Amino acid sequence: MPIIQVNMIEGRPPEKVRALIENITDTVVETLDAPKESVRVLVNEMPKTHWGKAGIPASEKK
């Protein structure tokens, strides 16, 4: 059973997250010949205060 984890900053509309899950699932099915029912996609949305780049939280970036 393929399990795919996606980590991203929160704030995208639910329909975009749904489309992401659908597209990732379809790609895994096509690439691995895996049954669609066996594919799991986990989306972890984090607040900007918990996501940093170059030592600076995303919440402080302009």
N, C-alpha and C. Protein backbone atom coordinates (compact mmCIF):
# COMPACT_ATOMS: atom_id res chain seq x y z
N MET A 1 0.84 -1.17 0.00
CA MET A 1 0.00 0.00 0.00
C MET A 1 0.89 1.24 0.00
N PRO A 2 0.89 2.02 -1.09
CA PRO A 2 1.68 3.25 -1.11
C PRO A 2 1.07 4.30 -0.18
N ILE A 3 1.93 4.94 0.59
CA ILE A 3 1.52 6.04 1.47
C ILE A 3 2.38 7.24 1.10
N ILE A 4 1.73 8.32 0.70
CA ILE A 4 2.43 9.52 0.30
C ILE A 4 2.10 10.62 1.30
N GLN A 5 3.13 11.30 1.81
CA GLN A 5 2.94 12.39 2.75
C GLN A 5 3.33 13.71 2.08
N VAL A 6 2.49 14.70 2.24
CA VAL A 6 2.74 16.03 1.70
C VAL A 6 2.72 17.00 2.87
N ASN A 7 3.79 17.75 3.03
CA ASN A 7 3.86 18.79 4.05
C ASN A 7 3.83 20.13 3.36
N MET A 8 2.92 21.00 3.80
CA MET A 8 2.83 22.32 3.19
C MET A 8 2.28 23.32 4.19
N ILE A 9 2.52 24.59 3.90
CA ILE A 9 2.00 25.66 4.74
C ILE A 9 0.49 25.72 4.56
N GLU A 10 -0.21 25.94 5.68
CA GLU A 10 -1.67 26.00 5.63
C GLU A 10 -2.14 27.21 4.85
N GLY A 11 -3.42 27.15 4.45
CA GLY A 11 -4.03 28.32 3.83
C GLY A 11 -4.64 28.09 2.46
N ARG A 12 -4.45 26.91 1.90
CA ARG A 12 -5.04 26.64 0.60
C ARG A 12 -6.50 26.22 0.77
N PRO A 13 -7.35 26.56 -0.19
CA PRO A 13 -8.76 26.19 -0.09
C PRO A 13 -8.93 24.66 -0.12
N PRO A 14 -9.96 24.15 0.55
CA PRO A 14 -10.19 22.69 0.59
C PRO A 14 -10.27 22.05 -0.79
N GLU A 15 -10.83 22.76 -1.77
CA GLU A 15 -10.94 22.18 -3.12
C GLU A 15 -9.56 21.98 -3.76
N LYS A 16 -8.59 22.82 -3.41
CA LYS A 16 -7.22 22.65 -3.93
C LYS A 16 -6.55 21.44 -3.28
N VAL A 17 -6.77 21.27 -1.98
CA VAL A 17 -6.20 20.12 -1.28
C VAL A 17 -6.82 18.84 -1.83
N ARG A 18 -8.12 18.86 -2.07
CA ARG A 18 -8.81 17.69 -2.65
C ARG A 18 -8.23 17.36 -4.04
N ALA A 19 -8.02 18.38 -4.86
CA ALA A 19 -7.45 18.18 -6.20
C ALA A 19 -6.04 17.60 -6.10
N LEU A 20 -5.26 18.08 -5.14
CA LEU A 20 -3.91 17.56 -4.93
C LEU A 20 -3.96 16.07 -4.59
N ILE A 21 -4.83 15.71 -3.66
CA ILE A 21 -4.97 14.30 -3.27
C ILE A 21 -5.37 13.45 -4.46
N GLU A 22 -6.32 13.92 -5.25
CA GLU A 22 -6.77 13.18 -6.42
C GLU A 22 -5.65 13.02 -7.45
N ASN A 23 -4.93 14.09 -7.72
CA ASN A 23 -3.86 14.04 -8.73
C ASN A 23 -2.69 13.16 -8.28
N ILE A 24 -2.33 13.24 -7.02
CA ILE A 24 -1.26 12.38 -6.51
C ILE A 24 -1.68 10.92 -6.60
N THR A 25 -2.92 10.64 -6.20
CA THR A 25 -3.42 9.27 -6.27
C THR A 25 -3.36 8.75 -7.69
N ASP A 26 -3.86 9.52 -8.64
CA ASP A 26 -3.85 9.09 -10.05
C ASP A 26 -2.44 8.84 -10.55
N THR A 27 -1.48 9.69 -10.16
CA THR A 27 -0.10 9.52 -10.58
C THR A 27 0.51 8.25 -10.01
N VAL A 28 0.23 7.96 -8.74
CA VAL A 28 0.76 6.75 -8.11
C VAL A 28 0.15 5.51 -8.77
N VAL A 29 -1.14 5.54 -9.03
CA VAL A 29 -1.81 4.42 -9.69
C VAL A 29 -1.17 4.16 -11.06
N GLU A 30 -0.98 5.22 -11.83
CA GLU A 30 -0.41 5.09 -13.18
C GLU A 30 1.05 4.65 -13.14
N THR A 31 1.83 5.21 -12.24
CA THR A 31 3.26 4.93 -12.18
C THR A 31 3.58 3.56 -11.61
N LEU A 32 2.87 3.18 -10.55
CA LEU A 32 3.18 1.93 -9.84
C LEU A 32 2.24 0.78 -10.18
N ASP A 33 1.25 1.04 -11.01
CA ASP A 33 0.21 0.03 -11.29
C ASP A 33 -0.43 -0.46 -10.00
N ALA A 34 -0.59 0.45 -9.05
CA ALA A 34 -1.20 0.11 -7.76
C ALA A 34 -2.72 0.30 -7.86
N PRO A 35 -3.47 -0.54 -7.17
CA PRO A 35 -4.92 -0.32 -7.14
C PRO A 35 -5.23 1.00 -6.44
N LYS A 36 -6.15 1.76 -7.01
CA LYS A 36 -6.50 3.07 -6.45
C LYS A 36 -6.89 2.97 -4.98
N GLU A 37 -7.59 1.90 -4.62
CA GLU A 37 -8.05 1.73 -3.24
C GLU A 37 -6.91 1.56 -2.25
N SER A 38 -5.72 1.22 -2.75
CA SER A 38 -4.59 0.98 -1.84
C SER A 38 -3.74 2.22 -1.60
N VAL A 39 -3.99 3.29 -2.35
CA VAL A 39 -3.17 4.49 -2.25
C VAL A 39 -3.68 5.38 -1.12
N ARG A 40 -2.76 5.81 -0.25
CA ARG A 40 -3.07 6.71 0.85
C ARG A 40 -2.28 7.99 0.67
N VAL A 41 -2.94 9.13 0.80
CA VAL A 41 -2.28 10.43 0.71
C VAL A 41 -2.57 11.18 2.01
N LEU A 42 -1.51 11.57 2.70
CA LEU A 42 -1.63 12.31 3.96
C LEU A 42 -1.14 13.73 3.73
N VAL A 43 -2.01 14.69 3.95
CA VAL A 43 -1.64 16.10 3.79
C VAL A 43 -1.51 16.73 5.17
N ASN A 44 -0.31 17.19 5.47
CA ASN A 44 -0.02 17.85 6.74
C ASN A 44 0.14 19.34 6.48
N GLU A 45 -0.81 20.12 6.98
CA GLU A 45 -0.74 21.57 6.82
C GLU A 45 -0.20 22.18 8.12
N MET A 46 0.80 23.01 7.97
CA MET A 46 1.43 23.63 9.13
C MET A 46 1.25 25.13 9.11
N PRO A 47 1.10 25.72 10.30
CA PRO A 47 1.03 27.19 10.33
C PRO A 47 2.38 27.79 9.94
N LYS A 48 2.32 29.00 9.42
CA LYS A 48 3.56 29.67 8.98
C LYS A 48 4.55 29.85 10.13
N THR A 49 4.06 29.87 11.35
CA THR A 49 4.96 30.01 12.50
C THR A 49 5.77 28.75 12.75
N HIS A 50 5.34 27.64 12.16
CA HIS A 50 6.03 26.36 12.35
C HIS A 50 6.82 25.93 11.11
N TRP A 51 7.03 26.82 10.18
CA TRP A 51 7.72 26.50 8.93
C TRP A 51 8.81 27.54 8.75
N GLY A 52 10.07 27.11 8.71
CA GLY A 52 11.15 28.06 8.59
C GLY A 52 12.05 27.79 7.40
N LYS A 53 12.65 28.84 6.92
CA LYS A 53 13.62 28.73 5.83
C LYS A 53 14.74 29.71 6.14
N ALA A 54 15.96 29.22 6.07
CA ALA A 54 17.14 30.05 6.35
C ALA A 54 17.09 30.66 7.74
N GLY A 55 16.51 29.92 8.68
CA GLY A 55 16.47 30.37 10.05
C GLY A 55 15.38 31.36 10.39
N ILE A 56 14.48 31.62 9.44
CA ILE A 56 13.42 32.59 9.66
C ILE A 56 12.07 31.92 9.44
N PRO A 57 11.15 32.06 10.41
CA PRO A 57 9.80 31.50 10.23
C PRO A 57 9.11 32.15 9.02
N ALA A 58 8.33 31.39 8.31
CA ALA A 58 7.61 31.91 7.14
C ALA A 58 6.67 33.05 7.53
N SER A 59 6.22 33.03 8.78
CA SER A 59 5.31 34.10 9.25
C SER A 59 6.02 35.45 9.31
N GLU A 60 7.34 35.46 9.32
CA GLU A 60 8.10 36.73 9.39
C GLU A 60 8.64 37.15 8.02
N LYS A 61 8.46 36.31 7.02
CA LYS A 61 8.92 36.66 5.67
C LYS A 61 7.95 37.63 5.03
N LYS A 62 8.49 38.48 4.20
CA LYS A 62 7.65 39.44 3.49
C LYS A 62 7.17 38.88 2.18
